[in-house]
C-alpha cells in the first residue's frame, strides 16, 4: 500500500495526553475524538489537518497511557500514517491493531519538514520525500502485519481468518 500526503511535524515524547487529552476520553466515538486530536500539542491541528495527511515526529511518539483513543483520534482526524524515530510499544501495537500505518525511521525527523509531500510504502518501508527528492528506508512491516493493515485492523483480520476456515 502506498500512502501519500502533506506532513505535520511534532517533536519527541508526544504522549497520549497530547494526542487526545484525558478530558475528552469519555467517548470512543472517532468523530468526537478527531475534533480534539493533538489539541494540547497544537490547538488548531484538527482544523488544519486534511484527509491523507501524515504526521512526522521524533522519538517515543505515543508514550504515556495504553488508551486506544490516541490512534483512533489520529486516524479519525484524517491522518493516513505516522513516521517517527520511534514509538512507545503500546501505541505501536494499538495503531496497527486499528490499521493506522506507522513507520520507524531514524532519519525522517531530520529530513522531512512540515508541509513536505511524502510517499510511504507499507510493503517495502521506503519513504520518499517528494518535495526534496530524498528517499529514506524505514523498518518494513512483516507480511502478517501488512495483512492486518490491508484487512482494516486486527479485529477485521481475525474475522476474515475465521471466515476463511
Protein backbone atom coordinates (compact mmCIF):
# COMPACT_ATOMS: atom_id res chain seq x y z
CA UNK A 1 0.00 0.00 0.00
CA UNK A 2 1.37 3.41 -1.00
CA UNK A 3 0.43 6.36 1.23
CA UNK A 4 0.92 9.94 0.08
CA UNK A 5 0.25 13.17 1.95
CA UNK A 6 1.32 16.51 3.34
CA UNK A 7 3.30 16.41 6.56
CA UNK A 8 2.78 17.88 10.03
CA UNK A 9 5.71 17.82 12.46
CA UNK A 10 5.75 17.18 16.19
CA UNK A 11 8.75 16.66 18.46
CA UNK A 12 9.81 13.82 20.70
CA UNK A 13 7.93 12.30 23.65
CA UNK A 14 4.48 13.23 22.33
CA UNK A 15 2.33 11.43 24.87
CA UNK A 16 -1.21 10.16 24.57
CA UNK A 17 -2.48 13.15 26.58
CA UNK A 18 -1.06 15.49 23.92
CA UNK A 19 -2.62 13.33 21.20
CA UNK A 20 -6.06 13.20 22.85
CA UNK A 21 -6.35 14.94 26.22
CA UNK A 22 -7.86 12.84 29.01
CA UNK A 23 -10.70 15.34 29.40
CA UNK A 24 -12.13 14.05 26.09
CA UNK A 25 -11.90 10.30 26.61
CA UNK A 26 -15.41 9.97 27.99
CA UNK A 27 -16.30 8.81 24.48
CA UNK A 28 -14.84 6.35 21.99
CA UNK A 29 -16.64 7.91 19.02
CA UNK A 30 -13.96 8.56 16.38
CA UNK A 31 -15.56 11.77 15.06
CA UNK A 32 -15.76 13.31 18.54
CA UNK A 33 -12.16 12.35 19.33
CA UNK A 34 -10.94 13.73 15.97
CA UNK A 35 -12.13 17.23 16.92
CA UNK A 36 -9.58 17.29 19.74
CA UNK A 37 -6.72 15.40 18.07
CA UNK A 38 -3.29 16.82 19.02
CA UNK A 39 -5.08 19.69 20.79
CA UNK A 40 -2.54 20.04 23.59
CA UNK A 41 0.39 19.96 21.13
CA UNK A 42 -1.23 22.23 18.50
CA UNK A 43 -4.68 23.65 19.41
CA UNK A 44 -5.51 24.27 15.73
CA UNK A 45 -4.36 20.89 14.37
CA UNK A 46 -7.82 19.37 13.96
CA UNK A 47 -8.91 22.40 11.91
CA UNK A 48 -5.79 22.37 9.70
CA UNK A 49 -5.28 18.66 9.03
CA UNK A 50 -6.70 17.19 5.82
CA UNK A 51 -7.63 13.66 4.84
CA UNK A 52 -4.48 11.74 3.93
CA UNK A 53 -2.01 13.99 5.77
CA UNK A 54 0.98 12.45 7.54
CA UNK A 55 2.46 13.11 10.98
CA UNK A 56 6.26 13.15 11.31
CA UNK A 57 7.66 13.04 14.84
CA UNK A 58 10.77 12.45 16.88
CA UNK A 59 11.32 9.61 19.30
CA UNK A 60 8.90 7.89 21.68
CA UNK A 61 5.71 9.01 19.92
CA UNK A 62 2.59 7.83 21.77
CA UNK A 63 4.19 7.36 25.19
CA UNK A 64 2.01 7.53 28.28
CA UNK A 65 -1.16 5.58 28.74
CA UNK A 66 -2.27 2.49 26.86
CA UNK A 67 -5.54 4.04 25.70
CA UNK A 68 -6.64 3.22 22.17
CA UNK A 69 -8.25 6.65 21.97
CA UNK A 70 -4.97 8.14 20.72
CA UNK A 71 -4.64 6.24 17.42
CA UNK A 72 -8.43 6.39 16.97
CA UNK A 73 -8.32 10.20 17.21
CA UNK A 74 -5.39 10.45 14.80
CA UNK A 75 -6.97 8.16 12.22
CA UNK A 76 -10.40 9.80 12.51
CA UNK A 77 -8.80 13.24 12.03
CA UNK A 78 -7.72 12.05 8.58
CA UNK A 79 -4.06 11.21 9.20
CA UNK A 80 -3.03 8.39 6.86
CA UNK A 81 0.15 7.37 8.68
CA UNK A 82 2.78 8.42 11.19
CA UNK A 83 6.52 8.44 10.59
CA UNK A 84 8.66 8.75 13.72
CA UNK A 85 12.12 7.98 15.01
CA UNK A 86 10.48 5.55 17.45
CA UNK A 87 7.13 4.74 19.04
CA UNK A 88 6.07 3.73 22.51
CA UNK A 89 5.42 -0.01 22.23
CA UNK A 90 1.78 0.08 23.36
CA UNK A 91 0.99 2.88 20.89
CA UNK A 92 2.75 0.92 18.14
CA UNK A 93 0.57 -2.11 18.80
CA UNK A 94 -2.66 -0.11 19.19
CA UNK A 95 -2.01 1.75 15.93
CA UNK A 96 -1.50 -1.45 13.95
CA UNK A 97 -4.49 -3.09 15.63
CA UNK A 98 -6.58 -0.19 14.34
CA UNK A 99 -4.98 -0.22 10.85
CA UNK A 100 -3.10 3.07 11.29
CA UNK A 101 0.22 2.57 9.48
CA UNK A 102 3.28 3.73 11.41
CA UNK A 103 6.87 3.82 10.20
CA UNK A 104 10.02 3.88 12.32
CA UNK A 105 12.81 5.74 10.55
CA UNK A 106 15.80 7.34 12.28
CA UNK A 107 16.44 9.88 9.52
CA UNK A 108 12.89 11.05 8.85
CA UNK A 109 12.64 13.71 11.54
CA UNK A 110 15.74 15.48 10.22
CA UNK A 111 14.89 15.05 6.52
CA UNK A 112 11.19 15.89 6.39
CA UNK A 113 9.92 19.41 7.09
CA UNK A 114 6.36 20.45 7.84
CA UNK A 115 4.40 20.83 4.61
CA UNK A 116 6.60 18.47 2.58
CA UNK A 117 4.76 15.94 0.43
CA UNK A 118 5.78 12.41 1.38
CA UNK A 119 5.05 8.96 0.00
CA UNK A 120 5.43 5.83 2.13
CA UNK A 121 5.21 2.19 1.07
CA UNK A 122 3.95 -0.22 3.75
CA UNK A 123 5.38 -3.24 1.90
CA UNK A 124 8.95 -2.03 1.48
CA UNK A 125 9.28 0.67 4.14
CA UNK A 126 10.57 3.13 1.54
CA UNK A 127 9.69 6.74 2.36
CA UNK A 128 10.11 9.30 -0.41
CA UNK A 129 10.12 13.00 0.32
CA UNK A 130 8.63 14.15 -2.97
CA UNK A 131 9.38 17.78 -2.08
CA UNK A 132 13.14 17.25 -1.78
CA UNK A 133 13.58 14.02 -3.76
CA UNK A 134 15.26 12.26 -0.81
CA UNK A 135 14.44 8.57 -0.22
CA UNK A 136 14.62 7.03 3.25
CA UNK A 137 14.35 3.47 4.49
CA UNK A 138 12.00 2.71 7.38
CA UNK A 139 11.70 -0.65 9.02
CA UNK A 140 9.36 -2.60 6.71
CA UNK A 141 6.33 -4.38 8.11
CA UNK A 142 6.45 -8.17 8.29
CA UNK A 143 3.97 -9.90 5.96
CA UNK A 144 1.47 -10.71 8.74
CA UNK A 145 1.37 -7.03 9.79
CA UNK A 146 0.90 -5.95 6.18
CA UNK A 147 -2.08 -8.29 6.06
CA UNK A 148 -3.55 -6.83 9.28
CA UNK A 149 -3.23 -3.31 7.82
CA UNK A 150 -4.68 -4.34 4.46
CA UNK A 151 -7.69 -6.00 6.10
CA UNK A 152 -8.55 -2.96 8.21
CA UNK A 153 -7.03 -3.88 11.57
CA UNK A 154 -6.70 -6.81 13.92
CA UNK A 155 -10.42 -7.38 14.53
CA UNK A 156 -11.19 -7.50 10.80
CA UNK A 157 -8.18 -9.74 10.25
CA UNK A 158 -9.42 -12.21 12.89
CA UNK A 159 -12.96 -12.16 11.43
CA UNK A 160 -11.58 -12.82 7.96
CA UNK A 161 -9.39 -15.62 9.27
CA UNK A 162 -12.40 -17.27 10.94
CA UNK A 163 -14.44 -16.91 7.75
CA UNK A 164 -11.64 -18.50 5.70
CA UNK A 165 -11.54 -21.57 7.97
